[in-house]
Structure formats: structure tokens, C-alpha cells
N, C-alpha and C. Protein backbone atom coordinates (compact mmCIF):
# COMPACT_ATOMS: atom_id res chain seq x y z
N UNK A 1 25.40 43.98 11.82
CA UNK A 1 25.42 43.24 10.79
C UNK A 1 25.94 41.54 10.46
N UNK A 2 26.46 41.56 11.67
CA UNK A 2 26.54 39.72 11.80
C UNK A 2 25.52 39.07 11.72
N UNK A 3 24.37 39.53 12.52
CA UNK A 3 23.18 39.06 13.08
C UNK A 3 22.26 39.27 11.58
N UNK A 4 22.06 40.42 10.65
CA UNK A 4 21.39 40.55 9.83
C UNK A 4 21.77 39.58 8.70
N UNK A 5 23.42 38.79 8.99
CA UNK A 5 23.82 37.95 7.83
C UNK A 5 23.26 36.70 8.16
N UNK A 6 23.30 36.23 9.41
CA UNK A 6 23.35 35.10 9.99
C UNK A 6 22.23 34.48 9.99
N UNK A 7 21.22 35.45 10.11
CA UNK A 7 19.50 34.60 9.88
C UNK A 7 19.21 34.41 8.50
N UNK A 8 19.67 34.88 7.39
CA UNK A 8 19.16 34.25 6.29
C UNK A 8 20.18 33.06 5.75
N UNK A 9 21.32 32.77 6.54
CA UNK A 9 22.26 31.84 6.22
C UNK A 9 21.46 30.28 6.93
N UNK A 10 21.34 30.67 8.40
CA UNK A 10 20.65 29.90 9.44
C UNK A 10 19.24 29.38 8.59
N UNK A 11 18.57 30.20 7.66
CA UNK A 11 17.20 30.22 7.31
C UNK A 11 17.28 29.05 5.79
N UNK A 12 18.57 29.50 5.24
CA UNK A 12 18.64 28.26 3.80
C UNK A 12 19.36 27.04 4.20
N UNK A 13 20.04 26.88 5.39
CA UNK A 13 20.91 25.56 6.01
C UNK A 13 19.34 24.85 6.51
N UNK A 14 18.56 25.38 6.72
CA UNK A 14 17.83 24.37 7.44
C UNK A 14 16.73 24.10 6.00
N UNK A 15 16.00 24.78 5.31
CA UNK A 15 15.77 24.93 3.95
C UNK A 15 15.90 23.44 3.67
N UNK A 16 17.67 23.70 3.35
CA UNK A 16 18.60 22.40 2.51
C UNK A 16 18.62 20.98 3.25
N UNK A 17 18.33 21.28 4.49
CA UNK A 17 18.35 20.25 5.42
C UNK A 17 17.14 19.39 5.31
N UNK A 18 15.86 20.20 5.17
CA UNK A 18 14.50 19.64 5.07
C UNK A 18 14.60 19.20 3.98
N UNK A 19 15.22 19.41 2.68
CA UNK A 19 14.71 19.13 1.34
C UNK A 19 15.45 17.67 1.42
N UNK A 20 16.59 17.64 2.15
CA UNK A 20 17.83 16.38 1.77
C UNK A 20 17.06 15.55 2.90
N UNK A 21 16.21 15.54 3.92
CA UNK A 21 15.43 14.80 4.50
C UNK A 21 14.11 13.84 3.90
N UNK A 22 13.63 14.75 2.85
CA UNK A 22 12.41 14.25 2.38
C UNK A 22 12.60 13.39 1.40
N UNK A 23 11.81 11.85 1.28
CA UNK A 23 11.98 11.02 0.99
C UNK A 23 11.86 11.12 -0.59
N UNK A 24 12.76 10.80 -1.02
CA UNK A 24 12.43 10.74 -2.69
C UNK A 24 11.44 9.98 -3.38
N UNK A 25 10.90 10.17 -3.93
CA UNK A 25 9.79 9.32 -4.81
C UNK A 25 9.62 9.38 -5.92
N UNK A 26 9.01 8.29 -6.39
CA UNK A 26 8.45 8.05 -7.78
C UNK A 26 6.74 7.83 -8.14
N UNK A 27 7.12 7.79 -9.48
CA UNK A 27 5.39 7.93 -9.69
C UNK A 27 5.45 6.63 -10.84
N UNK A 28 4.03 5.83 -10.53
CA UNK A 28 3.74 4.83 -11.52
C UNK A 28 2.49 5.49 -12.13
N UNK A 29 2.55 5.26 -13.57
CA UNK A 29 1.07 5.31 -14.36
C UNK A 29 0.77 4.06 -15.06
N UNK A 30 -0.43 3.47 -14.94
CA UNK A 30 -0.96 2.41 -15.37
C UNK A 30 -2.31 3.07 -16.38
N UNK A 31 -1.92 3.28 -17.63
CA UNK A 31 -2.94 4.18 -18.41
C UNK A 31 -3.82 2.79 -18.99
N UNK A 32 -3.58 1.30 -18.99
CA UNK A 32 -4.62 0.29 -19.18
C UNK A 32 -5.37 0.26 -18.34
N UNK A 33 -5.44 0.06 -17.26
CA UNK A 33 -6.07 0.09 -16.19
C UNK A 33 -6.54 1.39 -15.29
N UNK A 34 -5.85 2.28 -15.68
CA UNK A 34 -6.43 3.36 -15.29
C UNK A 34 -5.89 3.56 -13.89
N UNK A 35 -4.64 3.63 -13.33
CA UNK A 35 -4.79 4.03 -12.07
C UNK A 35 -2.95 4.85 -11.88
N UNK A 36 -2.54 5.53 -11.31
CA UNK A 36 -1.08 5.97 -10.69
C UNK A 36 -1.01 6.09 -9.15
N UNK A 37 0.22 5.81 -8.83
CA UNK A 37 0.48 6.14 -7.52
C UNK A 37 1.87 6.56 -7.21
N UNK A 38 2.22 6.95 -6.03
CA UNK A 38 3.86 7.60 -5.85
C UNK A 38 4.07 6.52 -4.67
N UNK A 39 5.24 6.07 -4.85
CA UNK A 39 6.19 5.39 -4.34
C UNK A 39 7.66 5.68 -3.84
N UNK A 40 8.37 5.02 -2.74
CA UNK A 40 9.67 5.43 -2.50
C UNK A 40 10.62 4.83 -3.72
N UNK A 41 11.50 5.63 -3.98
CA UNK A 41 12.40 5.33 -4.95
C UNK A 41 13.38 4.10 -4.92
N UNK A 42 13.41 3.90 -3.88
CA UNK A 42 14.33 2.61 -3.56
C UNK A 42 13.74 1.43 -3.49
N UNK A 43 12.71 1.58 -3.92
CA UNK A 43 11.86 -0.26 -3.90
C UNK A 43 11.96 -0.68 -4.95
N UNK A 44 11.69 -1.98 -5.49
CA UNK A 44 11.66 -2.36 -6.70
C UNK A 44 10.30 -2.57 -7.18
N UNK A 45 10.35 -2.57 -8.11
CA UNK A 45 8.70 -2.65 -8.81
C UNK A 45 8.74 -3.16 -10.04
N UNK A 46 7.60 -4.07 -10.02
CA UNK A 46 7.46 -5.09 -11.18
C UNK A 46 5.90 -5.20 -11.77
N UNK A 47 5.67 -5.21 -12.78
CA UNK A 47 4.14 -5.10 -13.67
C UNK A 47 3.85 -6.21 -14.44
N UNK A 48 3.00 -6.53 -14.05
CA UNK A 48 2.31 -7.70 -14.99
C UNK A 48 1.03 -6.93 -16.16
N UNK A 49 1.88 -6.54 -17.31
CA UNK A 49 1.04 -5.86 -17.61
C UNK A 49 -0.20 -6.36 -18.70
N UNK A 50 -0.27 -8.07 -18.59
CA UNK A 50 -1.51 -8.57 -19.10
C UNK A 50 -2.68 -8.68 -17.74
N UNK A 51 -2.08 -8.80 -16.62
CA UNK A 51 -3.39 -9.16 -15.56
C UNK A 51 -3.14 -7.69 -14.82
N UNK A 52 -2.61 -6.75 -15.04
CA UNK A 52 -2.55 -5.32 -14.59
C UNK A 52 -1.98 -4.97 -13.24
N UNK A 53 -1.60 -6.34 -12.68
CA UNK A 53 -0.54 -6.31 -11.15
C UNK A 53 0.49 -5.74 -11.37
N UNK A 54 0.82 -4.42 -10.26
CA UNK A 54 1.77 -3.91 -9.72
C UNK A 54 2.46 -4.41 -8.76
N UNK A 55 3.79 -4.78 -8.56
CA UNK A 55 4.22 -5.30 -7.21
C UNK A 55 5.53 -4.09 -6.92
N UNK A 56 5.34 -3.50 -5.53
CA UNK A 56 6.69 -2.97 -4.99
C UNK A 56 6.87 -3.51 -4.04
N UNK A 57 8.44 -4.04 -4.06
CA UNK A 57 9.09 -4.73 -3.03
C UNK A 57 10.15 -3.60 -2.14
N UNK A 58 10.03 -3.78 -0.80
CA UNK A 58 10.81 -3.07 0.10
C UNK A 58 11.84 -3.75 -0.16
N UNK A 59 13.25 -2.77 -0.27
CA UNK A 59 14.71 -3.97 -0.54
C UNK A 59 14.74 -4.56 1.03
N UNK A 60 15.46 -5.80 0.67
CA UNK A 60 15.50 -6.88 1.80
C UNK A 60 16.69 -6.79 2.54
N UNK A 61 17.01 -6.61 3.87
CA UNK A 61 17.86 -6.74 4.66
C UNK A 61 19.11 -8.02 4.60
N UNK A 62 19.96 -7.88 4.79
CA UNK A 62 20.73 -9.02 4.90
C UNK A 62 20.33 -10.35 5.37
N UNK A 63 19.65 -11.47 5.23
CA UNK A 63 19.09 -12.56 5.56
C UNK A 63 17.81 -12.75 5.93
N UNK A 64 16.85 -11.74 5.39
CA UNK A 64 15.92 -11.60 5.55
C UNK A 64 14.90 -12.84 4.31
N UNK A 65 13.91 -13.26 4.99
CA UNK A 65 13.27 -14.72 4.01
C UNK A 65 11.79 -14.00 3.67
N UNK A 66 11.21 -12.99 4.37
CA UNK A 66 9.72 -12.53 4.03
C UNK A 66 9.73 -11.43 3.58
N UNK A 67 9.14 -11.21 2.53
CA UNK A 67 8.99 -9.63 1.68
C UNK A 67 8.42 -9.26 2.30
N UNK A 68 8.72 -7.49 2.36
CA UNK A 68 7.58 -6.42 2.81
C UNK A 68 7.00 -5.98 1.54
N UNK A 69 6.05 -6.11 0.82
CA UNK A 69 5.71 -5.59 -0.02
C UNK A 69 4.28 -5.00 -0.22
N UNK A 70 3.82 -3.96 -1.41
CA UNK A 70 2.92 -3.70 -1.86
C UNK A 70 2.35 -4.09 -3.37
N UNK A 71 0.95 -4.97 -3.14
CA UNK A 71 0.53 -5.30 -4.50
C UNK A 71 -1.14 -4.58 -4.95
N UNK A 72 -0.74 -3.95 -6.16
CA UNK A 72 -1.90 -3.01 -6.93
C UNK A 72 -2.27 -4.28 -7.90
N UNK A 73 -4.00 -4.31 -7.79
CA UNK A 73 -4.38 -5.40 -8.94
C UNK A 73 -5.65 -4.99 -9.21
N UNK A 74 -6.63 -5.45 -10.58
CA UNK A 74 -7.92 -4.73 -10.83
C UNK A 74 -8.79 -6.05 -10.71
N UNK A 75 -9.74 -5.80 -10.87
CA UNK A 75 -10.65 -7.11 -10.80
C UNK A 75 -12.05 -6.13 -11.69
N UNK A 76 -12.49 -6.71 -12.13
CA UNK A 76 -13.92 -6.10 -12.70
C UNK A 76 -15.02 -6.78 -11.80
N UNK A 77 -15.97 -6.03 -11.55
CA UNK A 77 -17.06 -6.61 -10.66
C UNK A 77 -17.94 -5.47 -10.92
N UNK A 78 -19.13 -6.10 -11.51
CA UNK A 78 -20.12 -5.58 -12.23
C UNK A 78 -21.57 -6.46 -11.10
N UNK A 79 -21.05 -7.48 -10.65
CA UNK A 79 -22.00 -8.18 -9.99
C UNK A 79 -22.92 -7.74 -8.60
N UNK A 80 -22.16 -6.77 -7.83
CA UNK A 80 -23.03 -6.22 -6.85
C UNK A 80 -21.85 -5.03 -6.18
N UNK A 81 -22.07 -5.15 -4.95
CA UNK A 81 -21.44 -4.03 -4.13
C UNK A 81 -19.82 -4.26 -3.63
N UNK A 82 -19.35 -3.57 -3.05
CA UNK A 82 -17.63 -3.63 -2.66
C UNK A 82 -18.03 -4.62 -1.42
N UNK A 83 -19.03 -4.63 -0.34
CA UNK A 83 -18.81 -5.23 0.77
C UNK A 83 -18.97 -6.93 -0.06
N UNK A 84 -19.94 -7.26 -0.97
CA UNK A 84 -20.06 -8.38 -1.48
C UNK A 84 -18.98 -9.11 -2.39
N UNK A 85 -18.11 -8.07 -2.86
CA UNK A 85 -16.84 -8.27 -3.29
C UNK A 85 -15.84 -8.64 -2.30
N UNK A 86 -15.96 -8.46 -1.33
CA UNK A 86 -14.81 -8.78 -0.07
C UNK A 86 -15.43 -9.74 0.56
N UNK A 87 -16.85 -10.00 0.47
CA UNK A 87 -17.13 -11.36 0.78
C UNK A 87 -17.26 -12.57 0.17
N UNK A 88 -16.91 -12.41 -1.04
CA UNK A 88 -16.47 -13.37 -1.85
C UNK A 88 -15.37 -13.59 -2.06
N UNK A 89 -14.70 -12.78 -2.19
CA UNK A 89 -12.75 -12.63 -2.27
C UNK A 89 -12.12 -13.08 -1.07
N UNK A 90 -12.56 -12.66 0.09
CA UNK A 90 -11.80 -12.64 1.31
C UNK A 90 -12.53 -13.73 2.48
N UNK A 91 -13.14 -14.61 1.60
CA UNK A 91 -13.66 -15.26 2.87
C UNK A 91 -13.21 -16.23 4.17
N UNK A 92 -13.22 -15.77 4.76
CA UNK A 92 -12.15 -16.50 5.82
C UNK A 92 -12.10 -17.95 5.99
N UNK A 93 -12.88 -18.75 5.76
CA UNK A 93 -12.57 -20.11 5.56
C UNK A 93 -11.89 -20.75 4.50
N UNK A 94 -11.75 -19.83 3.28
CA UNK A 94 -10.60 -20.17 2.52
C UNK A 94 -9.28 -20.09 2.90
N UNK A 95 -8.99 -18.62 3.60
CA UNK A 95 -7.83 -18.38 4.31
C UNK A 95 -7.38 -19.46 5.00
N UNK A 96 -8.44 -19.65 5.90
CA UNK A 96 -7.88 -20.63 7.16
C UNK A 96 -7.54 -22.25 6.87
N UNK A 97 -7.92 -22.29 5.58
CA UNK A 97 -7.00 -23.65 5.01
C UNK A 97 -6.03 -23.82 5.21
N UNK A 98 -5.35 -22.49 4.08
CA UNK A 98 -3.99 -22.18 4.01
C UNK A 98 -3.28 -21.78 5.42
N UNK A 99 -3.92 -20.58 6.32
CA UNK A 99 -3.20 -20.09 7.61
C UNK A 99 -4.42 -20.67 8.30
N UNK A 100 -4.08 -21.62 9.49
CA UNK A 100 -4.92 -21.95 10.78
C UNK A 100 -4.99 -20.93 11.27
N UNK A 101 -4.43 -19.90 11.87
CA UNK A 101 -4.25 -18.77 12.41
C UNK A 101 -4.85 -17.62 12.01
N UNK A 102 -5.43 -17.47 10.89
CA UNK A 102 -6.10 -16.66 10.31
C UNK A 102 -6.52 -15.86 10.67
N UNK A 103 -6.78 -14.46 10.76
CA UNK A 103 -7.88 -13.57 11.18
C UNK A 103 -7.96 -12.45 10.35
N UNK A 104 -9.19 -11.67 10.67
CA UNK A 104 -9.29 -10.29 9.87
C UNK A 104 -9.97 -9.04 10.83
N UNK A 105 -9.41 -8.08 10.56
CA UNK A 105 -9.38 -6.73 11.69
C UNK A 105 -10.29 -6.05 11.21
N UNK A 106 -11.06 -5.66 11.12
CA UNK A 106 -11.84 -4.74 9.94
C UNK A 106 -11.52 -3.30 10.46
N UNK A 107 -10.88 -2.31 9.41
CA UNK A 107 -10.55 -1.05 9.49
C UNK A 107 -11.92 0.11 9.60
N UNK A 108 -12.88 -0.69 8.58
CA UNK A 108 -13.50 0.37 7.97
C UNK A 108 -14.33 0.86 6.78
N UNK A 109 -15.08 1.18 6.45
CA UNK A 109 -15.97 1.64 5.18
C UNK A 109 -15.71 2.37 4.83
N UNK A 110 -15.67 3.53 3.85
CA UNK A 110 -16.10 5.00 3.33
C UNK A 110 -16.43 5.01 2.00
N UNK A 111 -17.44 6.23 1.90
CA UNK A 111 -18.12 6.18 0.65
C UNK A 111 -18.17 7.52 0.28
N UNK A 112 -17.79 8.01 -1.21
CA UNK A 112 -18.35 9.44 -1.78
C UNK A 112 -19.16 8.97 -3.08
N UNK A 113 -19.18 9.72 -3.90
CA UNK A 113 -19.94 9.47 -5.25
C UNK A 113 -19.40 9.04 -6.35
N UNK A 114 -18.04 9.00 -6.29
CA UNK A 114 -17.45 7.94 -7.13
C UNK A 114 -17.01 6.64 -6.48
N UNK A 115 -16.48 6.61 -5.48
CA UNK A 115 -15.70 5.62 -5.51
C UNK A 115 -16.16 5.44 -3.64
N UNK A 116 -15.81 4.22 -3.70
CA UNK A 116 -16.06 3.10 -2.29
C UNK A 116 -14.88 2.64 -1.63
N UNK A 117 -14.56 2.64 -0.23
CA UNK A 117 -13.31 1.97 0.17
C UNK A 117 -13.77 1.12 1.33
N UNK A 118 -12.89 0.26 1.52
CA UNK A 118 -12.88 -0.77 2.35
C UNK A 118 -11.67 -1.10 2.64
N UNK A 119 -11.58 -0.96 4.03
CA UNK A 119 -10.01 -1.65 4.59
C UNK A 119 -9.93 -2.52 5.63
N UNK A 120 -9.43 -3.51 5.51
CA UNK A 120 -9.02 -4.09 6.91
C UNK A 120 -7.41 -5.02 6.95
N UNK A 121 -7.35 -5.38 8.14
CA UNK A 121 -5.82 -5.85 8.14
C UNK A 121 -6.21 -7.83 7.94
N UNK A 122 -5.34 -8.56 7.58
CA UNK A 122 -5.49 -9.97 7.73
C UNK A 122 -4.14 -10.30 8.51
N UNK A 123 -4.07 -11.19 9.48
CA UNK A 123 -3.07 -11.79 10.17
C UNK A 123 -2.94 -13.48 9.80
N UNK A 124 -1.64 -13.39 9.71
CA UNK A 124 -1.47 -15.48 9.65
C UNK A 124 -0.03 -15.41 9.88
N UNK A 125 0.28 -16.59 10.18
CA UNK A 125 2.03 -16.95 9.97
C UNK A 125 2.46 -17.53 8.95
N UNK A 126 3.76 -17.24 8.51
CA UNK A 126 4.28 -17.91 7.36
C UNK A 126 5.65 -18.94 8.41
N UNK A 127 5.66 -19.96 8.33
CA UNK A 127 6.78 -20.35 8.78
C UNK A 127 7.29 -20.08 10.50
N UNK A 128 6.21 -20.08 11.25
CA UNK A 128 5.86 -19.42 12.69
C UNK A 128 6.62 -18.31 12.70
N UNK A 129 6.33 -17.31 11.68
CA UNK A 129 6.73 -16.17 11.81
C UNK A 129 5.48 -15.09 11.24
N UNK A 130 4.52 -14.33 12.21
CA UNK A 130 3.76 -13.99 12.22
C UNK A 130 3.83 -12.76 11.14
N UNK A 131 2.47 -12.40 10.01
CA UNK A 131 2.45 -11.45 9.43
C UNK A 131 1.59 -10.71 9.56
N UNK A 132 1.52 -9.60 8.77
CA UNK A 132 0.17 -8.56 8.87
C UNK A 132 -0.52 -8.43 7.15
N UNK A 133 -1.26 -8.33 6.61
CA UNK A 133 -1.68 -7.80 5.48
C UNK A 133 -2.45 -6.83 5.31
N UNK A 134 -2.32 -5.49 5.22
CA UNK A 134 -2.93 -4.52 5.19
C UNK A 134 -3.63 -4.57 3.75
N UNK A 135 -5.63 -4.49 3.63
CA UNK A 135 -5.83 -4.79 2.39
C UNK A 135 -6.95 -3.52 2.52
N UNK A 136 -6.41 -2.68 1.13
CA UNK A 136 -7.77 -1.81 1.04
C UNK A 136 -8.50 -2.06 -0.37
N UNK A 137 -9.32 -1.50 -0.66
CA UNK A 137 -10.08 -2.16 -1.62
C UNK A 137 -10.71 -0.98 -1.92
N UNK A 138 -10.99 -0.18 -3.33
CA UNK A 138 -11.18 1.16 -3.89
C UNK A 138 -12.50 0.32 -5.13
N UNK A 139 -13.64 0.93 -5.01
CA UNK A 139 -14.21 0.13 -6.11
C UNK A 139 -14.37 1.56 -6.83
N UNK A 140 -14.27 1.74 -8.48
CA UNK A 140 -14.55 2.78 -9.36
C UNK A 140 -15.73 2.03 -10.39
N UNK A 141 -16.87 2.11 -10.32
CA UNK A 141 -17.74 2.22 -10.91
C UNK A 141 -17.57 0.56 -11.11
N UNK A 142 -17.31 -0.18 -12.36
CA UNK A 142 -17.28 -1.76 -12.14
C UNK A 142 -15.79 -2.19 -12.21
N UNK A 143 -14.91 -1.69 -11.75
CA UNK A 143 -13.79 -2.02 -11.06
C UNK A 143 -13.43 -2.04 -9.62
N UNK A 144 -12.27 -2.86 -9.31
CA UNK A 144 -12.35 -2.86 -7.56
C UNK A 144 -10.81 -2.65 -7.85
N UNK A 145 -10.36 -1.91 -7.04
CA UNK A 145 -8.90 -1.51 -7.15
C UNK A 145 -8.35 -2.68 -5.54
N UNK A 146 -7.40 -3.71 -5.89
CA UNK A 146 -6.68 -4.58 -4.60
C UNK A 146 -5.74 -3.75 -4.38
N UNK A 147 -5.46 -3.38 -3.24
CA UNK A 147 -4.10 -2.94 -2.56
C UNK A 147 -3.77 -3.91 -1.29
N UNK A 148 -2.94 -5.02 -1.09
CA UNK A 148 -2.26 -5.67 -0.38
C UNK A 148 -0.94 -5.11 -0.23
N UNK A 149 -0.53 -4.86 1.14
CA UNK A 149 0.10 -4.46 1.53
C UNK A 149 0.94 -5.40 2.87
N UNK A 150 1.91 -6.03 2.66
CA UNK A 150 2.51 -7.60 3.63
C UNK A 150 3.84 -7.26 4.09
N UNK A 151 3.63 -7.25 5.74
CA UNK A 151 5.24 -7.34 6.64
C UNK A 151 4.90 -8.06 7.60
N UNK A 152 6.37 -8.74 7.83
CA UNK A 152 6.18 -9.64 9.30
C UNK A 152 5.26 -8.58 10.46
N UNK A 153 4.91 -9.27 11.36
CA UNK A 153 4.11 -8.21 12.36
C UNK A 153 5.16 -7.57 13.10
N UNK A 154 6.26 -7.85 13.39
CA UNK A 154 7.52 -7.34 14.17
C UNK A 154 7.97 -5.83 13.45
N UNK A 155 7.87 -5.89 12.08
CA UNK A 155 8.18 -4.73 11.37
C UNK A 155 6.69 -3.70 10.70
N UNK A 156 5.70 -4.50 11.14
CA UNK A 156 4.73 -3.86 10.57
C UNK A 156 4.34 -2.49 10.48
N UNK A 157 4.68 -1.83 12.22
CA UNK A 157 4.12 -0.46 12.53
C UNK A 157 5.37 0.29 11.41
N UNK A 158 6.68 -0.08 11.58
CA UNK A 158 7.60 0.91 10.68
C UNK A 158 7.34 0.70 9.25
N UNK A 159 6.60 -0.11 8.31
CA UNK A 159 6.19 0.43 7.22
C UNK A 159 4.74 0.22 6.92
N UNK A 160 3.79 0.36 7.99
CA UNK A 160 2.40 0.91 7.68
C UNK A 160 2.86 2.35 7.13
N UNK A 161 3.22 3.23 7.77
CA UNK A 161 3.40 4.68 7.50
C UNK A 161 3.44 4.77 5.79
N UNK A 162 4.39 4.12 5.23
CA UNK A 162 4.86 3.85 4.02
C UNK A 162 3.76 3.60 2.90
N UNK A 163 3.15 2.42 3.20
CA UNK A 163 2.60 1.89 2.78
C UNK A 163 1.28 2.29 2.60
N UNK A 164 0.96 3.06 4.11
CA UNK A 164 -0.65 4.23 3.38
C UNK A 164 -0.03 5.29 2.72
N UNK A 165 1.26 5.79 2.36
CA UNK A 165 1.39 6.91 1.39
C UNK A 165 1.28 6.56 0.20
N UNK A 166 1.43 5.39 0.01
CA UNK A 166 1.35 4.50 -1.52
C UNK A 166 -0.20 4.43 -1.79
N UNK A 167 -0.73 4.29 -0.93
CA UNK A 167 -2.03 4.10 -0.78
C UNK A 167 -2.91 5.27 -0.90
N UNK A 168 -2.49 6.32 -0.07
CA UNK A 168 -3.28 7.66 -0.40
C UNK A 168 -2.87 7.93 -1.62
N UNK A 169 -1.82 8.15 -2.19
CA UNK A 169 -1.45 8.56 -3.39
C UNK A 169 -2.25 8.34 -4.36
N UNK A 170 -2.84 6.90 -4.69
CA UNK A 170 -3.47 6.06 -5.71
C UNK A 170 -4.78 6.63 -5.96
N UNK A 171 -4.28 7.27 -7.55
CA UNK A 171 -5.37 7.96 -8.38
C UNK A 171 -5.99 7.35 -9.31
N UNK A 172 -7.22 7.16 -9.60
CA UNK A 172 -7.98 6.18 -10.20
C UNK A 172 -8.87 6.77 -11.48
N UNK A 173 -8.72 6.57 -12.19
CA UNK A 173 -9.52 7.18 -13.65
C UNK A 173 -10.23 6.49 -14.50
């Protein structure tokens, strides 16, 4: 009798523990520029409706000076391919003028019938602190959705999974 009662109680406790450990997510939708995404509820969101730019900020710990953030913006691009957009918008020479130690690590490109995607990481320093910016660009017809996620290099692996969760939840219409 006790073992039959014990099994359902243990099962219920495991389910409640798993649900409590799951991160609370919020959803953001921008109907003007045709996208939505999920993000951790504790992150601050700032939107510029005129430009279509949405920025998510990870809460800063006491004494931190470099924000961990993810930004989504939309650009009209009717002139060519996604690779041509990358070549024009992310030219290393321009970035090197701002950040002498600037480098790009290519993460690859995917294509399907409706959407082309290009990903890479940019590495540079701000005030002697190394920063990594994950860049993901998605082209949908004549628009390019630009997702930039930045973090200090020593914390990047901690936040990369969360950044990728937001990026992977991006829904474009």
C-alpha cells in the first residue's frame, strides 16, 4: 500500500520540480516589421518603433560596466544576396578603425526556400576587456533581420545558450 502511494507522490514531486526549474519566458511581437521572439522574463526590453530595433539587456550584476545584450533590427535589402549585405555592412576595415584588435570568426551559412541565414562572431576589446559579439543575419525576401548578441568574452559561454534560444525562437513573417 505504501509503495503504491509513494510512486505517484514521487512522480508529482519530480514534475513540479522540473516546472519550477524551467526559465520563465516572455514573448515579444513587432507587427510593423514582421517578427516575434521569446526571451527570458527577467531581461529588460527596449524598443524603438520608428527604426524597428529591439534591444534586450541581461540584468547587470553590481559593479559591471559592459552590458550583455541582444539587439534585433531590420534593414531593407533589395540590391543582392545576403553575403553581399554582410560584405557591405560588416567590412573588417571599418570595424578595425574603431577596434584595432577586431577579428571575425565565420560560423556558416544556411539556405532554404524562404530564408537565408549567415552567422559569425566578432571579437574586439572595449577598455582592455575582450568582447564577443554573435551576429546572425536572416534574409526574408527584401528584408534582412540583424541579430547582434554581445557579452564580455569571459562570460560569453554562459550567455551564448540563452542568446541562441532567443535567436532560434525568432519567427519572421
